[in-house]
Amino acid sequence: MNDREGNRMPDQGRQHASVREAERISEAPPVAGPTLTARRRTGFLVTLVLGGLTAVPPLSMDMYLPALPEVTGALHTSAATAQLTLTACLTGMALGQLAVGPMSDKWGRRRPLLIGLLLYIAATAVCALAPTAPLLIGFRLVQGLAGAAGIVIARAVVRDLYDGVEMARFFSTLMLISGVAPIVAPLIGGQVLRITDWRGIFVVLTAVGIALTALVWKGLPETLAPERRHSGGTAEALRTMRGLLADRVFTGYMIAGGFAFAALFAYISASPFVVQEIYGASPQTFSLLFGINSVGLIAVGQINGKLLVGRVSLDKALAVGLCVIALASAALLLMATGVFGDVGLVPIAAGLFVLMSAMGLAMPNTNALALMRTPHAAGSASALLGTSSFLVGAIASPLVGIAGEGTAVPMAVVQLACALAAVACFLGLCRPWQHGTGPTQEAEH
């Protein structure tokens, strides 16, 4: 497969040969492939563990969302400063992945993961005791740095076990499991606030971290064989990442996915104030609406994995998802600026539901398409994917509150800008009409 502009992609031939080999193996009869059967059985056993690991970000942030207005009063701070507690956690998760990804390529998946989970437990427990907003922001940063281990290593384990169509389908399955977290997290947070204050939420998160650590210790085997590990240090890790970024198509999927995630995080960061402060909903109503939106994301993710993958090219599914996100963001901006008059909560909630649902096409397909190009450095590639998403999301978070708590316009502006940037990166860098990157394209040939 040649790039039509003559650009040389690092390890491109080897990457696509790996994809074709995975497709050939996946089509073999079960009786002729005991190794494949073992891989599928292993994948089934670790699916729940990987789902729990990918649930760390929504648990850490979404359970805390209903408490944001309370935090502003309890710590005597502004809404913008309270939102920085989200930004700090997100920034930590972004930067932590840059370190954990290469570490997992060098030392395997289990050791860095367990260390990260133990640090996450300690940082979360300290957040429950933070007396001031600056200290809470600082400990949320540490919490994010430690929680990054679960995110990056979960994606790397998927890349260790699967390729091609199987990997795309597994990412959609993983979204079903991990997608339960954004549904139940704000619901749990709202109920916790009925019996205690915002600090109790961090106590619950500490208990979740302890349970997840025990589950990983017992249920997640090492998936990166010693002969596949990188022996180099920081210099080699940097060279690997530089080589990945030199692949224009990989970088395009990475940036497009990052901007799509930023549009999602603009919603996560601003919706507590938009729904509760502007439209007068209770924390419990906000939690219910947030859960409904997450159901939409999960449902579309399952449609992607069960119906579209193998029938429709991943690039086409991704294009539809990005376009719907852009259209939903534009509609939200028109409603927020009063073009349609005083629309009330229901139309705004409907627009947010459509935006969230479209993420079920954008998120699993950007991950699968990018990781298919990087079988030789799954940890580093996963780190770059996660870091770009979380950094762009961290930048978007404070922007949604720049005009105060009385308007939803900044949220809609940030969402639309991020959606348009994602579409531009997808078209300008990935150029799906020039190559066959997705597993279905390989199958079609």
Protein backbone atom coordinates (compact mmCIF):
# COMPACT_ATOMS: atom_id res chain seq x y z
CA MET A 1 0.00 0.00 0.00
CA ASN A 2 1.67 3.20 -1.14
CA ASP A 3 1.06 6.78 -0.06
CA ARG A 4 0.06 8.68 -3.16
CA GLU A 5 2.18 11.66 -2.36
CA GLY A 6 5.26 9.53 -2.04
CA ASN A 7 5.63 10.13 1.71
CA ARG A 8 7.41 7.32 3.46
CA MET A 9 5.51 5.95 6.46
CA PRO A 10 7.55 4.30 9.26
CA ASP A 11 7.12 0.53 9.16
CA GLN A 12 4.07 0.94 6.92
CA GLY A 13 4.56 -2.27 4.97
CA ARG A 14 5.15 -4.27 8.12
CA GLN A 15 2.09 -2.73 9.80
CA HIS A 16 -0.27 -3.54 6.95
CA ALA A 17 1.23 -6.99 6.52
CA SER A 18 0.37 -7.56 10.17
CA VAL A 19 -3.22 -6.44 9.53
CA ARG A 20 -3.56 -8.79 6.54
CA GLU A 21 -2.11 -11.68 8.54
CA ALA A 22 -4.56 -11.02 11.38
CA GLU A 23 -7.43 -11.03 8.88
CA ARG A 24 -6.22 -14.33 7.40
CA ILE A 25 -5.99 -15.91 10.85
CA SER A 26 -9.39 -14.61 11.95
CA GLU A 27 -11.04 -16.27 8.93
CA ALA A 28 -9.53 -19.70 9.61
CA PRO A 29 -11.77 -22.49 11.00
CA PRO A 30 -11.59 -22.87 14.77
CA VAL A 31 -10.36 -26.46 14.54
CA ALA A 32 -7.33 -25.31 12.60
CA GLY A 33 -6.48 -22.49 14.92
CA PRO A 34 -6.02 -23.48 18.57
CA THR A 35 -3.90 -20.38 19.11
CA LEU A 36 -6.78 -18.18 17.95
CA THR A 37 -9.18 -20.02 20.27
CA ALA A 38 -6.81 -19.42 23.19
CA ARG A 39 -6.53 -15.76 22.28
CA ARG A 40 -10.30 -15.38 22.16
CA ARG A 41 -10.67 -17.15 25.49
CA THR A 42 -8.01 -14.91 27.03
CA GLY A 43 -9.76 -11.85 25.59
CA PHE A 44 -13.05 -12.97 27.12
CA LEU A 45 -11.45 -13.42 30.54
CA VAL A 46 -9.82 -9.97 30.57
CA THR A 47 -12.71 -8.03 28.99
CA LEU A 48 -14.25 -7.09 32.33
CA VAL A 49 -10.87 -6.04 33.71
CA LEU A 50 -10.12 -3.87 30.68
CA GLY A 51 -13.59 -2.35 30.91
CA GLY A 52 -12.92 -1.44 34.52
CA LEU A 53 -9.59 0.17 33.61
CA THR A 54 -11.12 2.29 30.86
CA ALA A 55 -13.83 3.32 33.34
CA VAL A 56 -11.26 5.11 35.52
CA PRO A 57 -11.55 8.49 33.70
CA PRO A 58 -15.38 8.70 33.70
CA LEU A 59 -15.51 7.51 37.30
CA SER A 60 -12.91 10.05 38.38
CA MET A 61 -14.64 12.94 36.61
CA ASP A 62 -18.33 12.13 36.11
CA MET A 63 -19.05 11.02 39.68
CA TYR A 64 -17.69 14.40 40.76
CA LEU A 65 -19.74 16.48 38.29
CA PRO A 66 -22.93 16.90 40.38
CA ALA A 67 -20.76 18.26 43.20
CA LEU A 68 -19.10 21.04 41.18
CA PRO A 69 -21.57 23.76 42.22
CA GLU A 70 -21.22 22.64 45.85
CA VAL A 71 -17.41 22.73 45.66
CA THR A 72 -17.50 26.38 44.57
CA GLY A 73 -19.36 27.26 47.76
CA ALA A 74 -17.59 24.93 50.18
CA LEU A 75 -14.10 26.05 49.12
CA HIS A 76 -15.14 29.69 48.51
CA THR A 77 -13.99 29.74 44.91
CA SER A 78 -15.34 30.57 41.44
CA ALA A 79 -16.92 28.26 38.88
CA ALA A 80 -13.87 28.63 36.62
CA THR A 81 -11.56 27.57 39.47
CA ALA A 82 -13.80 24.62 40.33
CA GLN A 83 -13.61 23.52 36.69
CA LEU A 84 -9.82 23.57 37.02
CA THR A 85 -10.15 20.55 39.32
CA LEU A 86 -11.41 18.72 36.24
CA THR A 87 -8.69 20.23 34.06
CA ALA A 88 -5.99 19.15 36.52
CA CYS A 89 -7.20 15.55 36.55
CA LEU A 90 -7.43 15.53 32.76
CA THR A 91 -3.96 17.06 32.36
CA GLY A 92 -2.51 14.47 34.71
CA MET A 93 -4.10 11.65 32.74
CA ALA A 94 -2.64 13.12 29.54
CA LEU A 95 0.93 13.54 30.81
CA GLY A 96 0.93 10.29 32.74
CA GLN A 97 0.24 8.32 29.59
CA LEU A 98 3.42 9.64 27.95
CA ALA A 99 5.42 8.00 30.72
CA VAL A 100 3.37 4.84 31.26
CA GLY A 101 3.04 3.91 27.57
CA PRO A 102 6.78 3.47 26.87
CA MET A 103 7.24 1.88 30.31
CA SER A 104 4.68 -0.78 29.42
CA ASP A 105 6.48 -1.48 26.13
CA LYS A 106 9.72 -1.99 28.08
CA TRP A 107 8.60 -3.79 31.27
CA GLY A 108 5.31 -5.37 30.26
CA ARG A 109 1.78 -4.37 31.12
CA ARG A 110 1.19 -5.62 34.67
CA ARG A 111 3.94 -3.93 36.70
CA PRO A 112 3.35 -0.30 35.56
CA LEU A 113 -0.40 -0.84 35.85
CA LEU A 114 -0.33 -2.05 39.44
CA ILE A 115 2.03 0.75 40.51
CA GLY A 116 -0.24 3.32 38.89
CA LEU A 117 -3.35 1.94 40.58
CA LEU A 118 -1.73 2.05 44.02
CA LEU A 119 -0.74 5.69 43.49
CA TYR A 120 -4.27 6.44 42.30
CA ILE A 121 -5.71 5.05 45.53
CA ALA A 122 -3.40 7.22 47.65
CA ALA A 123 -4.01 10.43 45.68
CA THR A 124 -7.79 9.96 45.68
CA ALA A 125 -7.85 9.44 49.44
CA VAL A 126 -5.93 12.68 49.93
CA CYS A 127 -8.39 14.56 47.65
CA ALA A 128 -11.11 13.77 50.18
CA LEU A 129 -9.15 15.73 52.80
CA ALA A 130 -8.11 18.77 50.71
CA PRO A 131 -8.99 21.97 52.66
CA THR A 132 -8.56 24.49 49.82
CA ALA A 133 -9.16 24.69 46.09
CA PRO A 134 -5.45 24.94 45.16
CA LEU A 135 -4.65 21.79 47.16
CA LEU A 136 -7.59 19.95 45.62
CA ILE A 137 -6.39 20.96 42.15
CA GLY A 138 -2.88 19.71 42.97
CA PHE A 139 -4.03 16.34 44.26
CA ARG A 140 -6.41 15.94 41.32
CA LEU A 141 -3.37 16.35 39.08
CA VAL A 142 -1.61 13.52 40.92
CA GLN A 143 -4.77 11.43 40.74
CA GLY A 144 -4.83 11.90 36.98
CA LEU A 145 -1.14 11.08 36.59
CA ALA A 146 -1.66 7.79 38.40
CA GLY A 147 -4.98 6.96 36.74
CA ALA A 148 -3.33 7.27 33.32
CA ALA A 149 -1.88 3.78 33.75
CA GLY A 150 -5.27 2.13 33.39
CA ILE A 151 -6.19 4.06 30.24
CA VAL A 152 -3.03 3.55 28.22
CA ILE A 153 -2.37 -0.05 29.24
CA ALA A 154 -5.95 -1.15 28.55
CA ARG A 155 -5.61 0.02 24.93
CA ALA A 156 -2.16 -1.58 24.65
CA VAL A 157 -3.50 -4.92 25.93
CA VAL A 158 -6.24 -4.81 23.28
CA ARG A 159 -3.55 -4.24 20.64
CA ASP A 160 -1.55 -7.18 22.07
CA LEU A 161 -4.50 -9.54 21.72
CA TYR A 162 -6.35 -8.40 18.60
CA ASP A 163 -5.91 -6.94 15.13
CA GLY A 164 -8.02 -5.87 12.16
CA VAL A 165 -11.77 -6.42 12.40
CA GLU A 166 -11.44 -8.20 15.75
CA MET A 167 -9.75 -5.18 17.30
CA ALA A 168 -12.39 -2.75 16.02
CA ARG A 169 -15.16 -4.98 17.36
CA PHE A 170 -13.44 -5.41 20.71
CA PHE A 171 -13.13 -1.64 21.14
CA SER A 172 -16.89 -1.36 20.63
CA THR A 173 -17.48 -4.19 23.14
CA LEU A 174 -15.18 -2.44 25.57
CA MET A 175 -17.24 0.73 25.14
CA LEU A 176 -20.33 -1.22 26.26
CA ILE A 177 -18.64 -2.18 29.53
CA SER A 178 -16.76 1.03 30.20
CA GLY A 179 -19.78 3.04 29.02
CA VAL A 180 -21.73 1.94 32.07
CA ALA A 181 -19.41 4.14 34.15
CA PRO A 182 -20.59 7.52 32.80
CA ILE A 183 -24.17 6.36 33.31
CA VAL A 184 -23.85 5.25 36.91
CA ALA A 185 -21.09 7.67 38.01
CA PRO A 186 -23.14 10.89 38.16
CA LEU A 187 -26.11 8.93 39.51
CA ILE A 188 -23.91 7.61 42.31
CA GLY A 189 -22.47 11.08 42.82
CA GLY A 190 -25.94 12.58 43.12
CA GLN A 191 -26.99 9.97 45.66
CA VAL A 192 -23.78 10.38 47.66
CA LEU A 193 -24.55 14.11 47.90
CA ARG A 194 -27.86 13.21 49.55
CA ILE A 195 -26.11 11.67 52.55
CA THR A 196 -22.79 13.51 52.68
CA ASP A 197 -20.85 16.31 50.98
CA TRP A 198 -18.51 16.31 47.97
CA ARG A 199 -15.69 14.73 49.99
CA GLY A 200 -17.66 11.50 50.25
CA ILE A 201 -17.39 11.12 46.49
CA PHE A 202 -13.63 10.77 46.77
CA VAL A 203 -14.07 8.21 49.54
CA VAL A 204 -16.19 6.13 47.15
CA LEU A 205 -13.58 6.54 44.38
CA THR A 206 -10.89 5.31 46.78
CA ALA A 207 -12.90 2.16 47.42
CA VAL A 208 -13.37 1.67 43.67
CA GLY A 209 -9.60 1.96 43.17
CA ILE A 210 -8.94 -0.68 45.81
CA ALA A 211 -11.44 -3.09 44.24
CA LEU A 212 -10.02 -2.54 40.75
CA THR A 213 -6.47 -3.15 41.95
CA ALA A 214 -7.49 -6.47 43.46
CA LEU A 215 -9.28 -7.41 40.23
CA VAL A 216 -6.21 -6.61 38.11
CA TRP A 217 -3.95 -8.57 40.47
CA LYS A 218 -6.12 -11.66 40.17
CA GLY A 219 -7.56 -11.46 36.68
CA LEU A 220 -5.19 -9.75 34.23
CA PRO A 221 -2.29 -11.82 32.91
CA GLU A 222 0.77 -10.36 31.24
CA THR A 223 0.02 -9.92 27.51
CA LEU A 224 3.38 -8.63 26.24
CA ALA A 225 5.89 -11.45 25.85
CA PRO A 226 9.49 -10.67 26.91
CA GLU A 227 10.80 -11.07 23.36
CA ARG A 228 8.42 -8.34 22.15
CA ARG A 229 9.52 -5.77 24.71
CA HIS A 230 11.73 -2.78 23.98
CA SER A 231 15.07 -2.79 25.77
CA GLY A 232 15.97 0.85 25.23
CA GLY A 233 15.50 3.79 27.58
CA THR A 234 14.09 7.26 27.22
CA ALA A 235 15.98 8.00 24.01
CA GLU A 236 14.50 4.97 22.25
CA ALA A 237 11.03 5.81 23.53
CA LEU A 238 11.33 9.31 22.11
CA ARG A 239 12.57 7.94 18.78
CA THR A 240 9.61 5.56 18.67
CA MET A 241 7.13 8.35 19.32
CA ARG A 242 8.83 10.58 16.76
CA GLY A 243 8.51 7.79 14.21
CA LEU A 244 4.82 7.37 15.01
CA LEU A 245 4.19 11.09 14.62
CA ALA A 246 5.97 11.02 11.26
CA ASP A 247 3.17 8.80 9.98
CA ARG A 248 0.77 11.42 8.62
CA VAL A 249 -2.25 9.12 8.68
CA PHE A 250 -1.66 7.97 12.28
CA THR A 251 -1.22 11.59 13.33
CA GLY A 252 -4.43 12.54 11.53
CA TYR A 253 -6.46 9.93 13.39
CA MET A 254 -4.79 10.93 16.66
CA ILE A 255 -5.59 14.64 16.29
CA ALA A 256 -9.10 14.06 14.93
CA GLY A 257 -9.85 11.80 17.88
CA GLY A 258 -8.38 14.38 20.25
CA PHE A 259 -10.64 17.16 18.99
CA ALA A 260 -13.69 14.89 19.09
CA PHE A 261 -12.86 14.06 22.70
CA ALA A 262 -12.47 17.78 23.45
CA ALA A 263 -16.01 18.39 22.20
CA LEU A 264 -17.16 15.63 24.54
CA PHE A 265 -15.22 17.06 27.46
CA ALA A 266 -16.60 20.55 26.84
CA TYR A 267 -19.98 18.96 27.49
CA ILE A 268 -18.71 17.12 30.57
CA SER A 269 -17.20 20.26 32.04
CA ALA A 270 -19.99 22.72 31.28
CA SER A 271 -23.15 20.62 31.56
CA PRO A 272 -23.42 20.73 35.38
CA PHE A 273 -23.69 24.52 35.24
CA VAL A 274 -25.74 24.65 32.01
CA VAL A 275 -28.31 22.11 33.20
CA GLN A 276 -28.44 23.04 36.88
CA GLU A 277 -27.66 26.76 37.04
CA ILE A 278 -29.17 28.01 33.75
CA TYR A 279 -32.12 25.61 33.40
CA GLY A 280 -32.73 24.99 37.11
CA ALA A 281 -32.46 21.20 37.18
CA SER A 282 -31.61 19.37 40.40
CA PRO A 283 -28.38 17.33 40.76
CA GLN A 284 -30.49 14.18 40.46
CA THR A 285 -32.16 15.39 37.22
CA PHE A 286 -28.77 16.32 35.82
CA SER A 287 -27.47 12.87 36.70
CA LEU A 288 -30.46 11.25 34.97
CA LEU A 289 -29.94 13.29 31.78
CA PHE A 290 -26.24 12.51 31.82
CA GLY A 291 -27.04 8.82 32.13
CA ILE A 292 -29.48 8.96 29.20
CA ASN A 293 -26.82 10.60 27.03
CA SER A 294 -24.36 7.88 27.97
CA VAL A 295 -26.92 5.24 26.96
CA GLY A 296 -26.97 6.85 23.53
CA LEU A 297 -23.19 6.64 23.28
CA ILE A 298 -23.21 2.97 24.28
CA ALA A 299 -26.04 2.09 21.89
CA VAL A 300 -24.34 3.68 18.89
CA GLY A 301 -21.06 2.07 19.91
CA GLN A 302 -22.73 -1.33 19.83
CA ILE A 303 -24.33 -0.60 16.46
CA ASN A 304 -20.83 0.23 15.24
CA GLY A 305 -19.29 -2.97 16.59
CA LYS A 306 -22.10 -5.43 15.86
CA LEU A 307 -23.57 -4.11 12.60
CA LEU A 308 -21.19 -1.70 10.86
CA VAL A 309 -17.73 -3.21 11.41
CA GLY A 310 -17.10 -5.73 8.64
CA ARG A 311 -19.83 -4.22 6.44
CA VAL A 312 -18.95 -0.53 6.28
CA SER A 313 -15.44 0.87 6.13
CA LEU A 314 -14.23 2.27 9.45
CA ASP A 315 -13.33 5.52 7.72
CA LYS A 316 -16.91 5.94 6.49
CA ALA A 317 -18.35 5.25 9.93
CA LEU A 318 -15.88 7.71 11.45
CA ALA A 319 -16.79 10.36 8.86
CA VAL A 320 -20.49 10.03 9.71
CA GLY A 321 -19.76 10.32 13.43
CA LEU A 322 -17.67 13.48 13.02
CA CYS A 323 -20.27 15.11 10.76
CA VAL A 324 -23.09 14.41 13.23
CA ILE A 325 -21.01 15.87 16.07
CA ALA A 326 -20.46 19.03 14.03
CA LEU A 327 -24.15 19.35 13.15
CA ALA A 328 -25.26 18.79 16.76
CA SER A 329 -22.75 21.40 17.96
CA ALA A 330 -24.03 23.91 15.41
CA ALA A 331 -27.62 23.31 16.54
CA LEU A 332 -26.64 23.80 20.19
CA LEU A 333 -24.93 27.09 19.33
CA LEU A 334 -28.01 28.36 17.51
CA MET A 335 -30.22 27.45 20.48
CA ALA A 336 -27.80 28.93 23.02
CA THR A 337 -27.63 32.26 21.14
CA GLY A 338 -31.43 32.54 21.07
CA VAL A 339 -31.95 32.12 17.34
CA PHE A 340 -34.96 29.90 18.09
CA GLY A 341 -36.08 31.91 21.11
CA ASP A 342 -36.16 30.56 24.66
CA VAL A 343 -35.96 26.86 23.87
CA GLY A 344 -35.84 25.48 27.42
CA LEU A 345 -34.08 22.38 28.73
CA VAL A 346 -35.62 19.68 26.49
CA PRO A 347 -34.20 20.86 23.12
CA ILE A 348 -30.79 21.52 24.68
CA ALA A 349 -30.83 18.03 26.22
CA ALA A 350 -31.81 16.56 22.84
CA GLY A 351 -28.89 18.28 21.11
CA LEU A 352 -26.47 17.02 23.77
CA PHE A 353 -27.91 13.51 23.39
CA VAL A 354 -27.21 13.51 19.63
CA LEU A 355 -23.69 14.81 20.19
CA MET A 356 -22.92 12.19 22.82
CA SER A 357 -24.41 9.38 20.74
CA ALA A 358 -22.23 10.24 17.75
CA MET A 359 -19.18 9.71 19.94
CA GLY A 360 -20.03 5.99 19.69
CA LEU A 361 -18.86 6.15 16.07
CA ALA A 362 -15.94 8.53 16.54
CA MET A 363 -14.12 7.15 19.57
CA PRO A 364 -13.74 3.39 18.87
CA ASN A 365 -12.97 3.90 15.19
CA THR A 366 -10.24 6.52 15.67
CA ASN A 367 -8.55 4.23 18.20
CA ALA A 368 -8.81 1.16 15.98
CA LEU A 369 -7.68 2.91 12.80
CA ALA A 370 -4.68 4.49 14.51
CA LEU A 371 -3.56 1.39 16.42
CA MET A 372 -3.81 -0.80 13.32
CA ARG A 373 -0.82 1.10 11.98
CA THR A 374 1.35 0.51 15.08
CA PRO A 375 1.68 -3.20 15.97
CA HIS A 376 5.35 -2.66 16.84
CA ALA A 377 4.77 -0.02 19.57
CA ALA A 378 1.26 -0.37 20.97
CA GLY A 379 2.09 1.20 24.33
CA SER A 380 3.72 4.30 22.87
CA ALA A 381 0.96 4.69 20.26
CA SER A 382 -1.71 4.32 22.94
CA ALA A 383 0.09 6.95 25.03
CA LEU A 384 0.11 9.42 22.15
CA LEU A 385 -3.57 8.82 21.42
CA GLY A 386 -4.56 9.34 25.03
CA THR A 387 -2.27 12.28 25.65
CA SER A 388 -3.50 14.24 22.65
CA SER A 389 -7.13 13.65 23.61
CA PHE A 390 -6.70 14.60 27.25
CA LEU A 391 -4.52 17.65 26.57
CA VAL A 392 -6.96 19.11 24.06
CA GLY A 393 -9.78 18.32 26.48
CA ALA A 394 -7.91 20.02 29.31
CA ILE A 395 -7.56 23.17 27.19
CA ALA A 396 -11.25 23.10 26.28
CA SER A 397 -12.42 22.70 29.88
CA PRO A 398 -11.76 26.22 31.26
CA LEU A 399 -12.90 27.86 28.00
CA VAL A 400 -16.49 26.72 28.51
CA GLY A 401 -16.74 28.86 31.67
CA ILE A 402 -15.01 31.93 30.32
CA ALA A 403 -18.24 33.96 30.09
CA GLY A 404 -19.53 32.93 33.51
CA GLU A 405 -22.29 30.59 34.64
CA GLY A 406 -25.23 32.34 32.98
CA THR A 407 -24.82 31.29 29.35
CA ALA A 408 -24.31 28.07 27.38
CA VAL A 409 -22.78 29.90 24.39
CA PRO A 410 -19.11 29.21 25.31
CA MET A 411 -19.83 25.49 25.61
CA ALA A 412 -21.45 25.38 22.18
CA VAL A 413 -18.71 27.51 20.58
CA VAL A 414 -15.98 25.21 21.93
CA GLN A 415 -17.86 22.11 20.81
CA LEU A 416 -18.39 23.42 17.28
CA ALA A 417 -14.79 24.61 16.93
CA CYS A 418 -13.47 21.22 18.08
CA ALA A 419 -15.85 19.31 15.80
CA LEU A 420 -14.84 21.33 12.74
CA ALA A 421 -11.16 20.91 13.61
CA ALA A 422 -11.66 17.13 13.87
CA VAL A 423 -13.30 17.02 10.44
CA ALA A 424 -10.50 19.14 8.97
CA CYS A 425 -7.79 16.86 10.38
CA PHE A 426 -9.58 13.75 9.18
CA LEU A 427 -9.89 15.09 5.64
CA GLY A 428 -6.55 16.90 5.48
CA LEU A 429 -4.27 14.33 7.12
CA CYS A 430 -5.98 10.93 6.96
CA ARG A 431 -7.28 11.38 3.40
CA PRO A 432 -9.23 8.11 3.54
CA TRP A 433 -9.91 8.15 -0.21
CA GLN A 434 -6.15 7.65 -0.82
CA HIS A 435 -5.58 4.51 1.23
CA GLY A 436 -7.23 1.44 2.70
CA THR A 437 -6.44 1.68 6.36
CA GLY A 438 -9.49 0.13 7.93
CA PRO A 439 -9.95 -3.62 8.37
CA THR A 440 -12.91 -3.66 6.06
CA GLN A 441 -10.87 -2.11 3.32
CA GLU A 442 -8.37 -4.93 3.60
CA ALA A 443 -11.22 -7.45 3.49
CA GLU A 444 -12.69 -5.78 0.42
CA HIS A 445 -9.43 -6.24 -1.46
